[in-house]
Amino acid sequence: MGSCRLDAHGIATVTAACTGPATLLRREVYMPGWHATAGGHHLTTHEAVSLFQSIRLPAGTTTVHFGYRPPHERLALWLPLLGILVAAGVPSGTWLLGRRQNPVPDRGPL
């Protein structure tokens, strides 16, 4: 394991200059949805010490960006739209066909 010099750039970015491969321990609660990138490449975020995040760093200088995206974010964006479509009657087609709920019965010729 190498030693590293760390320079923080805000709360979500750090530049690490490491003499050899190393593990960075970030004291942010580990939860699904946390991710890290370096040079446009995804880094695997691991749970460390049963609470925090850790990532493996290569030797050399690496700038790491951390971010969070809730695991079910896409589903949470589509469900309200689906609810609006159901409320508008899209699945049954009633809004397209203009059907009446209680048609007047045909009584034949008068």
Protein backbone atom coordinates (compact mmCIF):
# COMPACT_ATOMS: atom_id res chain seq x y z
CA MET A 1 0.00 0.00 0.00
CA GLY A 2 1.21 3.44 -0.90
CA SER A 3 0.92 6.66 1.00
CA CYS A 4 -1.12 9.55 -0.41
CA ARG A 5 -1.28 13.32 -0.16
CA LEU A 6 -4.89 14.52 -0.33
CA ASP A 7 -6.19 17.90 -1.47
CA ALA A 8 -9.93 18.43 -0.97
CA HIS A 9 -11.84 20.62 -3.43
CA GLY A 10 -15.15 21.12 -1.61
CA ILE A 11 -17.07 18.24 -0.07
CA ALA A 12 -17.42 16.06 -3.17
CA THR A 13 -14.01 16.20 -4.89
CA VAL A 14 -10.54 15.19 -3.78
CA THR A 15 -7.18 14.95 -5.56
CA ALA A 16 -4.98 12.13 -4.30
CA ALA A 17 -1.26 11.88 -5.11
CA CYS A 18 -0.29 8.33 -4.14
CA THR A 19 3.14 6.64 -4.16
CA GLY A 20 1.49 3.27 -4.80
CA PRO A 21 -1.96 1.67 -4.91
CA ALA A 22 -4.02 2.80 -1.91
CA THR A 23 -7.50 2.79 -0.41
CA LEU A 24 -9.29 6.07 0.23
CA LEU A 25 -11.66 6.05 3.20
CA ARG A 26 -14.36 8.71 2.94
CA ARG A 27 -16.26 9.44 6.13
CA GLU A 28 -19.63 9.70 4.47
CA VAL A 29 -22.31 7.15 5.32
CA TYR A 30 -22.28 4.35 2.74
CA MET A 31 -25.66 3.84 1.08
CA PRO A 32 -26.74 2.41 -2.28
CA GLY A 33 -26.64 5.23 -4.80
CA TRP A 34 -23.24 6.67 -3.93
CA HIS A 35 -20.80 6.63 -6.81
CA ALA A 36 -17.32 7.90 -7.58
CA THR A 37 -15.63 8.80 -10.86
CA ALA A 38 -12.06 9.64 -11.80
CA GLY A 39 -11.07 10.81 -15.26
CA GLY A 40 -14.55 9.98 -16.54
CA HIS A 41 -14.29 6.36 -15.35
CA HIS A 42 -16.55 4.79 -12.74
CA LEU A 43 -14.82 3.67 -9.53
CA THR A 44 -16.43 1.00 -7.39
CA THR A 45 -17.50 2.34 -4.00
CA HIS A 46 -17.23 -0.16 -1.16
CA GLU A 47 -18.62 -0.18 2.36
CA ALA A 48 -15.82 0.22 4.90
CA VAL A 49 -15.86 -0.19 8.68
CA SER A 50 -19.58 -1.07 8.41
CA LEU A 51 -20.45 2.58 7.89
CA PHE A 52 -18.23 4.64 5.57
CA GLN A 53 -17.25 4.59 1.90
CA SER A 54 -13.95 3.44 0.46
CA ILE A 55 -12.47 3.29 -3.03
CA ARG A 56 -9.23 1.86 -4.37
CA LEU A 57 -6.80 4.33 -5.90
CA PRO A 58 -3.97 3.62 -8.33
CA ALA A 59 -0.46 4.98 -7.92
CA GLY A 60 -0.06 8.53 -9.20
CA THR A 61 -2.35 11.55 -9.13
CA THR A 62 -6.10 10.95 -9.31
CA THR A 63 -8.96 13.43 -8.95
CA VAL A 64 -12.06 11.71 -7.58
CA HIS A 65 -15.60 13.12 -7.76
CA PHE A 66 -18.26 11.69 -5.47
CA GLY A 67 -21.97 11.90 -6.18
CA TYR A 68 -25.27 10.47 -5.03
CA ARG A 69 -28.21 9.32 -7.11
CA PRO A 70 -31.09 7.55 -5.35
CA PRO A 71 -31.30 3.94 -6.57
CA HIS A 72 -34.93 4.23 -7.74
CA GLU A 73 -34.76 7.74 -9.16
CA ARG A 74 -36.03 6.81 -12.64
CA LEU A 75 -38.98 4.92 -11.22
CA ALA A 76 -39.84 7.89 -9.00
CA LEU A 77 -39.87 10.14 -12.07
CA TRP A 78 -42.13 7.87 -14.16
CA LEU A 79 -44.75 6.91 -11.55
CA PRO A 80 -46.41 10.37 -11.37
CA LEU A 81 -46.67 10.45 -15.17
CA LEU A 82 -48.26 7.00 -15.17
CA GLY A 83 -50.75 8.18 -12.52
CA ILE A 84 -51.72 11.18 -14.65
CA LEU A 85 -52.26 8.96 -17.71
CA VAL A 86 -54.42 6.53 -15.73
CA ALA A 87 -56.46 9.39 -14.28
CA ALA A 88 -56.96 10.80 -17.79
CA GLY A 89 -58.35 7.48 -19.02
CA VAL A 90 -55.57 6.64 -21.46
CA PRO A 91 -55.53 2.88 -20.82
CA SER A 92 -59.23 2.45 -21.62
CA GLY A 93 -59.17 4.83 -24.57
CA THR A 94 -62.23 6.71 -23.34
CA TRP A 95 -60.57 10.05 -23.88
CA LEU A 96 -59.95 9.19 -27.56
CA LEU A 97 -63.26 7.60 -28.43
CA GLY A 98 -65.52 9.93 -26.49
CA ARG A 99 -67.65 6.99 -25.38
CA ARG A 100 -70.62 7.59 -23.15
CA GLN A 101 -70.93 5.68 -19.96
CA ASN A 102 -74.74 5.24 -20.22
CA PRO A 103 -75.83 5.20 -23.87
CA VAL A 104 -79.51 5.90 -24.65
CA PRO A 105 -81.18 2.64 -25.76
CA ASP A 106 -82.48 2.49 -29.34
CA ARG A 107 -86.33 2.31 -29.22
CA GLY A 108 -86.80 1.67 -32.90
CA PRO A 109 -88.97 3.73 -35.28
CA LEU A 110 -91.48 6.08 -33.77
